Amino acid sequence: MQAVLYTLADKFLNETELSRVKEMIAMTKLGEMLVEDGIEKGIVETCRELGVSFDETAKKIRQRFGISEKEAREIVRKYWF
């Protein structure tokens, strides 16, 4: 979803407008969620590339975000290509 928003914005807005939209998105709940999703994905992909196990990656996600083991495993499963 984030990629679609940025693609559309890039196509139809000038540099000043892009900067303003970026600031507005960052200040919204949606912006926060998109950033959090990106962090989750980055942690999972990095752990996988470094040979960290699925279970250990879920543990790291759980610790980083203060969520349940079930939620952490769902996040890891989502990005564990």
C-alpha atoms as a PDB file:
ATOM      1  CA  MET A   1       0.000   0.000   0.000  1.00  0.00           C
ATOM      2  CA  GLN A   2       2.809   2.365   0.895  1.00  0.00           C
ATOM      3  CA  ALA A   3       4.454   1.803  -2.484  1.00  0.00           C
ATOM      4  CA  VAL A   4       1.210   2.647  -4.292  1.00  0.00           C
ATOM      5  CA  LEU A   5       0.810   5.887  -2.338  1.00  0.00           C
ATOM      6  CA  TYR A   6       4.360   6.968  -3.050  1.00  0.00           C
ATOM      7  CA  THR A   7       4.097   6.039  -6.736  1.00  0.00           C
ATOM      8  CA  LEU A   8       0.938   8.090  -7.168  1.00  0.00           C
ATOM      9  CA  ALA A   9       2.356  11.008  -5.226  1.00  0.00           C
ATOM     10  CA  ASP A  10       5.582  10.915  -7.225  1.00  0.00           C
ATOM     11  CA  LYS A  11       3.667  10.919 -10.496  1.00  0.00           C
ATOM     12  CA  PHE A  12       1.286  13.787  -9.732  1.00  0.00           C
ATOM     13  CA  LEU A  13       3.030  16.072  -7.219  1.00  0.00           C
ATOM     14  CA  ASN A  14       6.004  18.406  -7.416  1.00  0.00           C
ATOM     15  CA  GLU A  15       8.916  18.272  -4.952  1.00  0.00           C
ATOM     16  CA  THR A  16       7.376  20.745  -2.485  1.00  0.00           C
ATOM     17  CA  GLU A  17       4.029  18.961  -2.493  1.00  0.00           C
ATOM     18  CA  LEU A  18       5.761  15.589  -2.071  1.00  0.00           C
ATOM     19  CA  SER A  19       7.598  16.872   0.973  1.00  0.00           C
ATOM     20  CA  ARG A  20       4.379  18.212   2.493  1.00  0.00           C
ATOM     21  CA  VAL A  21       2.494  14.953   1.876  1.00  0.00           C
ATOM     22  CA  LYS A  22       5.358  12.982   3.404  1.00  0.00           C
ATOM     23  CA  GLU A  23       5.209  15.133   6.547  1.00  0.00           C
ATOM     24  CA  MET A  24       1.430  14.782   6.777  1.00  0.00           C
ATOM     25  CA  ILE A  25       1.563  10.996   6.370  1.00  0.00           C
ATOM     26  CA  ALA A  26       4.285  10.714   8.997  1.00  0.00           C
ATOM     27  CA  MET A  27       2.072  12.524  11.510  1.00  0.00           C
ATOM     28  CA  THR A  28      -0.893  10.200  11.067  1.00  0.00           C
ATOM     29  CA  LYS A  29      -1.690   6.831  12.549  1.00  0.00           C
ATOM     30  CA  LEU A  30      -1.389   5.368   9.048  1.00  0.00           C
ATOM     31  CA  GLY A  31       2.102   6.817   8.783  1.00  0.00           C
ATOM     32  CA  GLU A  32       3.081   5.295  12.100  1.00  0.00           C
ATOM     33  CA  MET A  33       1.691   1.919  11.038  1.00  0.00           C
ATOM     34  CA  LEU A  34       3.582   2.005   7.748  1.00  0.00           C
ATOM     35  CA  VAL A  35       6.831   2.788   9.530  1.00  0.00           C
ATOM     36  CA  GLU A  36       6.219   0.020  12.058  1.00  0.00           C
ATOM     37  CA  ASP A  37       5.497  -2.463   9.258  1.00  0.00           C
ATOM     38  CA  GLY A  38       8.748  -1.455   7.603  1.00  0.00           C
ATOM     39  CA  ILE A  39      10.688  -1.989  10.814  1.00  0.00           C
ATOM     40  CA  GLU A  40       9.091  -5.412  11.311  1.00  0.00           C
ATOM     41  CA  LYS A  41       9.947  -6.416   7.760  1.00  0.00           C
ATOM     42  CA  GLY A  42      13.498  -5.131   8.116  1.00  0.00           C
ATOM     43  CA  ILE A  43      14.109  -7.062  11.323  1.00  0.00           C
ATOM     44  CA  VAL A  44      12.733 -10.298   9.869  1.00  0.00           C
ATOM     45  CA  GLU A  45      14.649 -10.006   6.595  1.00  0.00           C
ATOM     46  CA  THR A  46      17.899  -9.115   8.364  1.00  0.00           C
ATOM     47  CA  CYS A  47      17.588 -11.990  10.818  1.00  0.00           C
ATOM     48  CA  ARG A  48      16.853 -14.418   8.007  1.00  0.00           C
ATOM     49  CA  GLU A  49      19.824 -13.195   5.943  1.00  0.00           C
ATOM     50  CA  LEU A  50      22.089 -13.595   8.972  1.00  0.00           C
ATOM     51  CA  GLY A  51      20.892 -17.154   9.554  1.00  0.00           C
ATOM     52  CA  VAL A  52      18.892 -16.441  12.703  1.00  0.00           C
ATOM     53  CA  SER A  53      16.225 -19.097  13.258  1.00  0.00           C
ATOM     54  CA  PHE A  54      12.508 -18.463  12.839  1.00  0.00           C
ATOM     55  CA  ASP A  55      11.952 -18.915  16.594  1.00  0.00           C
ATOM     56  CA  GLU A  56      14.771 -16.565  17.576  1.00  0.00           C
ATOM     57  CA  THR A  57      13.506 -13.966  15.093  1.00  0.00           C
ATOM     58  CA  ALA A  58      10.014 -14.194  16.603  1.00  0.00           C
ATOM     59  CA  LYS A  59      11.567 -13.675  20.027  1.00  0.00           C
ATOM     60  CA  LYS A  60      13.352 -10.537  18.808  1.00  0.00           C
ATOM     61  CA  ILE A  61      10.122  -9.179  17.297  1.00  0.00           C
ATOM     62  CA  ARG A  62       8.253  -9.926  20.529  1.00  0.00           C
ATOM     63  CA  GLN A  63      10.866  -8.107  22.599  1.00  0.00           C
ATOM     64  CA  ARG A  64      11.116  -5.114  20.240  1.00  0.00           C
ATOM     65  CA  PHE A  65       7.377  -4.468  20.037  1.00  0.00           C
ATOM     66  CA  GLY A  66       6.193  -5.860  23.383  1.00  0.00           C
ATOM     67  CA  ILE A  67       3.662  -8.205  21.789  1.00  0.00           C
ATOM     68  CA  SER A  68       2.555 -11.777  22.395  1.00  0.00           C
ATOM     69  CA  GLU A  69       4.439 -14.761  21.030  1.00  0.00           C
ATOM     70  CA  LYS A  70       1.514 -15.561  18.729  1.00  0.00           C
ATOM     71  CA  GLU A  71       1.510 -12.039  17.261  1.00  0.00           C
ATOM     72  CA  ALA A  72       5.284 -12.114  16.816  1.00  0.00           C
ATOM     73  CA  ARG A  73       5.155 -15.462  15.014  1.00  0.00           C
ATOM     74  CA  GLU A  74       2.459 -14.118  12.662  1.00  0.00           C
ATOM     75  CA  ILE A  75       4.661 -11.140  11.804  1.00  0.00           C
ATOM     76  CA  VAL A  76       7.677 -13.350  11.148  1.00  0.00           C
ATOM     77  CA  ARG A  77       5.583 -15.719   9.029  1.00  0.00           C
ATOM     78  CA  LYS A  78       4.349 -12.725   7.005  1.00  0.00           C
ATOM     79  CA  TYR A  79       7.870 -11.680   5.955  1.00  0.00           C
ATOM     80  CA  TRP A  80       9.746 -15.014   6.113  1.00  0.00           C
ATOM     81  CA  PHE A  81       9.999 -15.615   2.358  1.00  0.00           C
END
